[in-house]
Amino acid sequence: MSEPPRPAAPPGPAADPEADHRAEHRAVPDATPVPVRVSAPPSLTEAEKSGEPASSALPAAQRVLPRRHPGRWIVTALVLVVLAQIIHGLATNPFYQWDRFGYWFLRPRILDGLLITLEVTAYSAVLGLLGGILLALGRLSRSPVLRAVSWTYIWLFRSVPLIVVLLFLYNFSALYRTLSLGIPFGPAFFTFDESRLATDMAVAVVGLSLNEAAYAAEVVRGGILSVDQGQHDASAALGLPKRHQFTRIVLPQALRSITPSYVNQLIGLIKATSLVFYVSLLDLFGSVQSMSSTYPGDIVPLLLVATVWYLILTSLVSIVQFYVERHYSRGATRTLEPTPVQKLRASLRELRVRARREAAL
């Protein structure tokens, strides 16, 4: 059986074999890689080999020089002249009696008073901070009674001078000879003789702690309020108890704001211990006062001894403050503040680079 004839193709232009060949080449891309010319890396200059910055390799006519500040140099020179005059006056004025200063500086009587100052400061700082935390939580509480009592306490002790508080406690036995614990308006279970409990050390520590708690409460409350409200909401959303919310999330973040302010309070507390002399406690200042009454010719060197020891104590506290702030600033800043040793190394490195630049010119 024969197949039916196919229909004839419609008339059209004649096929061009060259055009088909060009179309085939356009359809299939050329897979041959194009050669890439790789140039050799530029050679290092002498300045780059020596480790100096690239700006030092520029000619002197193209370098950017910093702007001069003649006023700054003039003020710096004046300050240095004044400091030199002060140091010269301290060193050459016989009225200061530096030989007697060296004699009294490490005397056992002075060191005993210094030890009492450290003990009173340590006890009062710890008790005052704990009391300040409780008062701050009371002011932030939802209970109107706790808020009112905390506010009244803070208002009272911030209004009364510290010397008045110390003298009032020193004469407290004249008002209440005995203290008792028991049922209100009922029988007493324990009775204490106030005159035996109210030693000079106890009066000083209690008075300073009560006064310090009022100021520490506002410092702690300000630090807690500085924490973003979202942190409180996030800790509550995690289902943490209130105590863990405060101790693990809120308080560590609040310490960044609490630390600088409370260290200022602590420095003020160190200097406030000089008032315990009025309640018959011979601290550093009390020892100096008693020795100056015995040796009236050494009043100035003895006052200088107390001044230098207070400077040493406050300087040590400031050093501790720097490292505590640096510790709690981790995560809050991108780069930590360099330590004094790191600053010194950076300054020496900068001086070496400047010396090399000047030598290259």
Protein backbone atom coordinates (compact mmCIF):
# COMPACT_ATOMS: atom_id res chain seq x y z
CA MET A 1 0.00 0.00 0.00
CA SER A 2 1.56 3.21 -1.13
CA GLU A 3 1.76 6.35 1.14
CA PRO A 4 -0.17 9.44 0.09
CA PRO A 5 1.88 12.16 -1.50
CA ARG A 6 3.18 14.89 0.87
CA PRO A 7 2.04 18.46 0.21
CA ALA A 8 4.52 20.67 -1.54
CA ALA A 9 6.38 23.29 0.52
CA PRO A 10 5.27 26.85 0.04
CA PRO A 11 7.43 28.94 -2.20
CA GLY A 12 10.03 31.04 -0.34
CA PRO A 13 13.50 32.39 -0.55
CA ALA A 14 16.23 30.01 -1.37
CA ALA A 15 18.16 28.54 1.60
CA ASP A 16 21.50 30.20 2.26
CA PRO A 17 24.10 27.76 3.61
CA GLU A 18 26.39 30.62 4.84
CA ALA A 19 23.55 32.20 6.83
CA ASP A 20 22.81 28.87 8.54
CA HIS A 21 26.46 28.57 9.44
CA ARG A 22 26.57 32.07 10.99
CA ALA A 23 23.35 31.40 12.95
CA GLU A 24 24.84 28.22 14.37
CA HIS A 25 27.85 30.14 15.60
CA ARG A 26 25.62 32.77 17.24
CA ALA A 27 23.51 30.14 19.00
CA VAL A 28 26.46 28.29 20.54
CA PRO A 29 28.73 30.59 22.61
CA ASP A 30 32.41 30.30 22.23
CA ALA A 31 33.78 28.21 25.13
CA THR A 32 37.34 29.27 24.56
CA PRO A 33 38.52 31.24 27.72
CA VAL A 34 39.70 34.77 27.19
CA PRO A 35 43.23 35.19 28.46
CA VAL A 36 43.50 37.59 31.46
CA ARG A 37 46.61 39.62 31.90
CA VAL A 38 47.82 39.48 35.52
CA SER A 39 50.15 42.25 36.55
CA ALA A 40 52.77 41.80 39.22
CA PRO A 41 51.95 43.30 42.68
CA PRO A 42 53.52 46.67 43.30
CA SER A 43 56.66 46.57 45.33
CA LEU A 44 56.56 47.87 48.87
CA THR A 45 58.06 51.23 49.51
CA GLU A 46 60.80 51.75 52.02
CA ALA A 47 58.38 53.44 54.43
CA GLU A 48 55.98 50.49 54.30
CA LYS A 49 58.82 48.01 54.83
CA SER A 50 59.91 49.91 57.94
CA GLY A 51 56.37 49.85 59.38
CA GLU A 52 55.73 53.59 59.19
CA PRO A 53 52.35 54.93 58.03
CA ALA A 54 51.84 55.61 54.35
CA SER A 55 51.48 59.35 54.97
CA SER A 56 55.12 59.58 56.01
CA ALA A 57 56.20 58.36 52.58
CA LEU A 58 54.66 61.39 50.89
CA PRO A 59 56.83 64.36 50.06
CA ALA A 60 56.87 67.19 52.57
CA ALA A 61 54.92 69.44 50.20
CA GLN A 62 52.01 66.95 50.02
CA ARG A 63 51.73 65.97 53.68
CA VAL A 64 48.83 67.27 55.81
CA LEU A 65 50.14 68.99 58.92
CA PRO A 66 47.96 69.42 62.04
CA ARG A 67 46.73 72.85 62.92
CA ARG A 68 48.76 74.71 65.48
CA HIS A 69 47.15 75.85 68.74
CA PRO A 70 49.35 78.53 70.30
CA GLY A 71 46.72 79.43 72.90
CA ARG A 72 46.75 75.88 74.23
CA TRP A 73 50.53 75.94 74.59
CA ILE A 74 50.39 79.28 76.42
CA VAL A 75 47.77 78.03 78.90
CA THR A 76 49.75 74.81 79.43
CA ALA A 77 52.90 76.80 80.14
CA LEU A 78 51.09 79.00 82.66
CA VAL A 79 49.65 75.98 84.46
CA LEU A 80 53.07 74.35 84.63
CA VAL A 81 54.57 77.54 86.06
CA VAL A 82 51.89 77.73 88.77
CA LEU A 83 52.36 74.04 89.63
CA ALA A 84 56.12 74.53 89.85
CA GLN A 85 55.64 77.45 92.22
CA ILE A 86 53.28 75.43 94.43
CA ILE A 87 55.68 72.47 94.59
CA HIS A 88 58.60 74.79 95.30
CA GLY A 89 56.66 76.46 98.10
CA LEU A 90 55.72 73.12 99.65
CA ALA A 91 59.29 71.89 99.49
CA THR A 92 61.07 75.01 100.76
CA ASN A 93 58.63 76.47 103.31
CA PRO A 94 59.94 75.50 106.78
CA PHE A 95 56.48 75.99 108.26
CA TYR A 96 55.39 72.56 106.94
CA GLN A 97 58.14 70.74 108.91
CA TRP A 98 58.51 67.80 106.55
CA ASP A 99 60.95 66.11 108.91
CA ARG A 100 58.21 65.93 111.57
CA PHE A 101 55.77 64.76 108.90
CA GLY A 102 58.04 61.79 108.19
CA TYR A 103 58.29 61.11 111.92
CA TRP A 104 54.51 61.00 112.48
CA PHE A 105 53.42 59.36 109.23
CA LEU A 106 53.93 55.72 110.32
CA ARG A 107 53.67 56.10 114.08
CA PRO A 108 51.68 53.28 115.77
CA ARG A 109 49.15 55.77 117.16
CA ILE A 110 48.41 57.05 113.64
CA LEU A 111 48.21 53.54 112.19
CA ASP A 112 45.80 52.44 114.92
CA GLY A 113 43.54 55.36 114.08
CA LEU A 114 43.79 54.49 110.38
CA LEU A 115 42.72 50.92 111.13
CA ILE A 116 39.66 52.17 113.04
CA THR A 117 38.79 54.43 110.09
CA LEU A 118 38.94 51.45 107.73
CA GLU A 119 36.79 49.31 110.02
CA VAL A 120 34.11 51.98 110.46
CA THR A 121 34.08 52.69 106.72
CA ALA A 122 33.79 49.01 105.76
CA TYR A 123 30.96 48.22 108.20
CA SER A 124 29.05 51.39 107.41
CA ALA A 125 29.42 50.94 103.63
CA VAL A 126 28.07 47.38 103.67
CA LEU A 127 25.22 48.08 106.09
CA GLY A 128 24.37 51.36 104.37
CA LEU A 129 24.22 49.73 100.95
CA LEU A 130 22.03 46.88 102.20
CA GLY A 131 19.72 49.36 103.91
CA GLY A 132 19.68 51.51 100.76
CA ILE A 133 18.62 48.54 98.63
CA LEU A 134 15.75 47.75 101.02
CA LEU A 135 14.65 51.38 101.09
CA ALA A 136 14.82 51.64 97.29
CA LEU A 137 12.70 48.52 96.91
CA GLY A 138 10.27 49.97 99.45
CA ARG A 139 9.94 53.17 97.42
CA LEU A 140 9.34 51.12 94.27
CA SER A 141 6.87 48.80 96.01
CA ARG A 142 3.15 48.79 95.26
CA SER A 143 2.38 48.96 98.98
CA PRO A 144 1.49 52.53 99.98
CA VAL A 145 2.69 51.85 103.54
CA LEU A 146 6.17 50.75 102.39
CA ARG A 147 6.41 53.68 100.02
CA ALA A 148 5.41 56.15 102.73
CA VAL A 149 7.76 54.71 105.36
CA SER A 150 10.71 54.58 102.94
CA TRP A 151 10.12 58.12 101.72
CA THR A 152 9.84 59.42 105.30
CA TYR A 153 13.08 57.72 106.34
CA ILE A 154 14.98 59.11 103.37
CA TRP A 155 13.53 62.57 103.89
CA LEU A 156 14.41 62.58 107.60
CA PHE A 157 18.01 61.40 107.43
CA ARG A 158 18.85 63.53 104.42
CA SER A 159 17.59 66.56 106.30
CA VAL A 160 19.36 66.02 109.64
CA PRO A 161 23.15 66.67 109.77
CA LEU A 162 25.31 63.63 110.44
CA ILE A 163 26.91 65.15 113.52
CA VAL A 164 23.44 65.57 115.06
CA VAL A 165 22.63 61.91 114.39
CA LEU A 166 25.89 60.77 116.00
CA LEU A 167 25.42 62.94 119.09
CA PHE A 168 21.80 61.82 119.43
CA LEU A 169 22.81 58.15 119.35
CA TYR A 170 25.69 58.81 121.74
CA ASN A 171 23.20 60.12 124.31
CA PHE A 172 20.51 57.58 123.45
CA SER A 173 20.87 55.83 126.81
CA ALA A 174 19.51 58.94 128.52
CA LEU A 175 16.20 58.42 126.69
CA TYR A 176 15.97 54.61 126.71
CA ARG A 177 17.98 52.76 129.34
CA THR A 178 16.77 49.33 128.21
CA LEU A 179 15.63 47.87 124.89
CA SER A 180 13.24 44.93 124.72
CA LEU A 181 11.74 42.57 122.14
CA GLY A 182 8.31 41.07 122.65
CA ILE A 183 4.63 41.49 121.95
CA PRO A 184 3.63 45.13 121.30
CA PHE A 185 1.90 46.53 124.41
CA GLY A 186 2.50 43.14 126.04
CA PRO A 187 5.20 41.11 127.79
CA ALA A 188 8.83 41.38 126.67
CA PHE A 189 10.78 38.26 125.74
CA PHE A 190 14.28 39.75 125.60
CA THR A 191 15.65 42.80 127.39
CA PHE A 192 18.96 44.52 126.57
CA ASP A 193 20.93 47.05 128.52
CA GLU A 194 21.45 49.89 126.03
CA SER A 195 24.50 51.27 127.83
CA ARG A 196 26.37 47.98 127.28
CA LEU A 197 25.41 47.70 123.61
CA ALA A 198 26.11 51.32 122.71
CA THR A 199 29.90 51.17 122.55
CA ASP A 200 31.81 53.89 120.74
CA MET A 201 32.32 51.66 117.69
CA ALA A 202 28.65 50.62 117.64
CA VAL A 203 27.43 54.22 117.87
CA ALA A 204 29.73 55.30 115.04
CA VAL A 205 28.78 52.39 112.74
CA VAL A 206 25.04 52.68 113.41
CA GLY A 207 25.01 56.44 112.95
CA LEU A 208 26.98 56.36 109.70
CA SER A 209 24.98 53.40 108.38
CA LEU A 210 21.63 55.08 109.05
CA ASN A 211 22.78 58.22 107.31
CA GLU A 212 24.41 56.36 104.42
CA ALA A 213 21.32 54.20 103.78
CA ALA A 214 19.22 57.28 103.02
CA TYR A 215 21.59 58.45 100.29
CA ALA A 216 22.31 54.95 98.97
CA ALA A 217 18.57 54.35 98.58
CA GLU A 218 18.24 57.17 96.05
CA VAL A 219 21.35 55.98 94.21
CA VAL A 220 19.99 52.44 93.94
CA ARG A 221 16.51 53.62 92.98
CA GLY A 222 17.95 55.80 90.21
CA GLY A 223 19.98 52.87 88.90
CA ILE A 224 16.96 50.57 88.85
CA LEU A 225 14.86 53.17 87.04
CA SER A 226 17.62 53.52 84.43
CA VAL A 227 17.05 49.92 83.27
CA ASP A 228 14.80 49.79 80.21
CA GLN A 229 11.24 48.65 80.87
CA GLY A 230 11.62 46.03 78.16
CA GLN A 231 14.11 44.17 80.36
CA HIS A 232 11.49 43.93 83.11
CA ASP A 233 8.90 42.68 80.62
CA ALA A 234 11.31 40.16 79.11
CA SER A 235 12.25 38.73 82.51
CA ALA A 236 8.57 38.47 83.44
CA ALA A 237 7.81 36.76 80.12
CA LEU A 238 10.45 34.12 80.91
CA GLY A 239 8.48 33.19 84.02
CA LEU A 240 11.29 34.04 86.45
CA PRO A 241 10.38 34.73 90.07
CA LYS A 242 10.50 38.33 91.22
CA ARG A 243 13.65 37.71 93.23
CA HIS A 244 15.50 36.23 90.24
CA GLN A 245 14.25 39.01 87.98
CA PHE A 246 15.84 41.55 90.27
CA THR A 247 19.10 39.76 91.14
CA ARG A 248 19.93 38.27 87.72
CA ILE A 249 18.56 40.70 85.15
CA VAL A 250 17.71 44.10 86.62
CA LEU A 251 20.45 44.59 89.23
CA PRO A 252 23.47 43.67 87.00
CA GLN A 253 22.34 46.26 84.44
CA ALA A 254 21.55 48.84 87.11
CA LEU A 255 25.05 48.50 88.58
CA ARG A 256 26.45 50.40 85.59
CA SER A 257 24.61 53.48 86.86
CA ILE A 258 24.87 52.69 90.57
CA THR A 259 28.65 52.20 90.74
CA PRO A 260 29.87 55.74 89.92
CA SER A 261 27.33 57.44 92.18
CA TYR A 262 27.81 55.06 95.08
CA VAL A 263 31.59 55.32 94.90
CA ASN A 264 31.16 59.07 95.34
CA GLN A 265 29.09 58.27 98.42
CA LEU A 266 31.79 55.90 99.63
CA ILE A 267 34.46 58.60 99.28
CA GLY A 268 32.23 60.95 101.23
CA LEU A 269 31.79 58.22 103.85
CA ILE A 270 35.57 57.91 104.28
CA LYS A 271 35.80 61.62 105.00
CA ALA A 272 32.68 61.53 107.19
CA THR A 273 34.39 59.09 109.57
CA SER A 274 36.32 62.10 110.89
CA LEU A 275 33.13 63.05 112.77
CA VAL A 276 33.24 59.95 114.97
CA PHE A 277 35.88 61.79 117.01
CA TYR A 278 32.95 63.61 118.64
CA VAL A 279 31.58 60.31 120.00
CA SER A 280 34.92 59.47 121.67
CA LEU A 281 36.18 57.13 118.95
CA LEU A 282 39.80 57.80 118.04
CA ASP A 283 39.93 57.21 114.32
CA LEU A 284 42.58 58.72 112.04
CA PHE A 285 41.38 62.28 112.53
CA GLY A 286 40.79 61.67 116.25
CA SER A 287 44.33 60.40 116.68
CA VAL A 288 45.70 63.44 114.89
CA GLN A 289 43.60 65.73 117.05
CA SER A 290 44.70 64.11 120.29
CA MET A 291 48.37 64.14 119.27
CA SER A 292 48.20 67.79 118.16
CA SER A 293 46.83 68.77 121.59
CA THR A 294 49.78 66.98 123.19
CA TYR A 295 52.32 68.37 120.71
CA PRO A 296 51.02 71.83 119.73
CA GLY A 297 54.17 72.59 117.74
CA ASP A 298 53.40 69.74 115.33
CA ILE A 299 49.85 70.71 114.38
CA VAL A 300 50.65 71.39 110.72
CA PRO A 301 52.67 68.19 110.07
CA LEU A 302 50.02 66.14 111.85
CA LEU A 303 47.28 67.67 109.68
CA LEU A 304 49.41 66.90 106.62
CA VAL A 305 49.68 63.29 107.81
CA ALA A 306 45.88 63.00 107.99
CA THR A 307 45.52 64.71 104.60
CA VAL A 308 47.95 62.34 102.87
CA TRP A 309 46.33 59.24 104.37
CA TYR A 310 42.86 60.41 103.25
CA LEU A 311 44.28 61.04 99.77
CA ILE A 312 45.69 57.51 99.68
CA LEU A 313 42.39 55.95 100.76
CA THR A 314 40.29 57.89 98.25
CA SER A 315 42.78 57.14 95.47
CA LEU A 316 42.56 53.41 96.16
CA VAL A 317 38.77 53.60 96.06
CA SER A 318 38.94 55.47 92.74
CA ILE A 319 41.16 52.75 91.25
CA VAL A 320 38.70 50.07 92.33
CA GLN A 321 35.86 52.17 90.87
CA PHE A 322 37.59 52.27 87.47
CA TYR A 323 37.92 48.50 87.19
CA VAL A 324 34.40 47.84 88.53
CA GLU A 325 32.91 50.26 85.98
CA ARG A 326 35.01 48.67 83.25
CA HIS A 327 33.74 45.22 84.24
CA TYR A 328 30.05 46.15 84.17
CA SER A 329 30.38 48.15 80.93
CA ARG A 330 31.06 44.96 78.97
CA GLY A 331 28.29 44.47 76.46
CA ALA A 332 27.13 48.07 76.75
CA THR A 333 30.03 49.59 74.80
CA ARG A 334 31.78 48.31 71.69
CA THR A 335 35.26 48.87 73.06
CA LEU A 336 36.29 48.94 76.70
CA GLU A 337 38.10 51.96 78.05
CA PRO A 338 41.85 51.26 78.10
CA THR A 339 43.55 50.79 81.43
CA PRO A 340 46.23 53.27 82.58
CA VAL A 341 48.95 50.79 81.55
CA GLN A 342 47.44 50.48 78.07
CA LYS A 343 47.21 54.27 77.77
CA LEU A 344 50.88 54.59 78.73
CA ARG A 345 51.94 52.02 76.13
CA ALA A 346 49.86 53.77 73.45
CA SER A 347 51.46 57.13 74.32
CA LEU A 348 54.97 55.67 74.11
CA ARG A 349 54.14 54.05 70.79
CA GLU A 350 52.84 57.35 69.43
CA LEU A 351 56.00 59.14 70.57
CA ARG A 352 58.17 56.61 68.73
CA VAL A 353 56.16 57.04 65.54
CA ARG A 354 56.46 60.83 65.75
CA ALA A 355 60.21 60.56 66.31
CA ARG A 356 60.53 58.41 63.20
CA ARG A 357 58.51 60.88 61.16
CA GLU A 358 60.64 63.80 62.29
CA ALA A 359 63.79 61.84 61.52
CA ALA A 360 62.48 61.02 58.02
CA LEU A 361 62.07 64.75 57.31
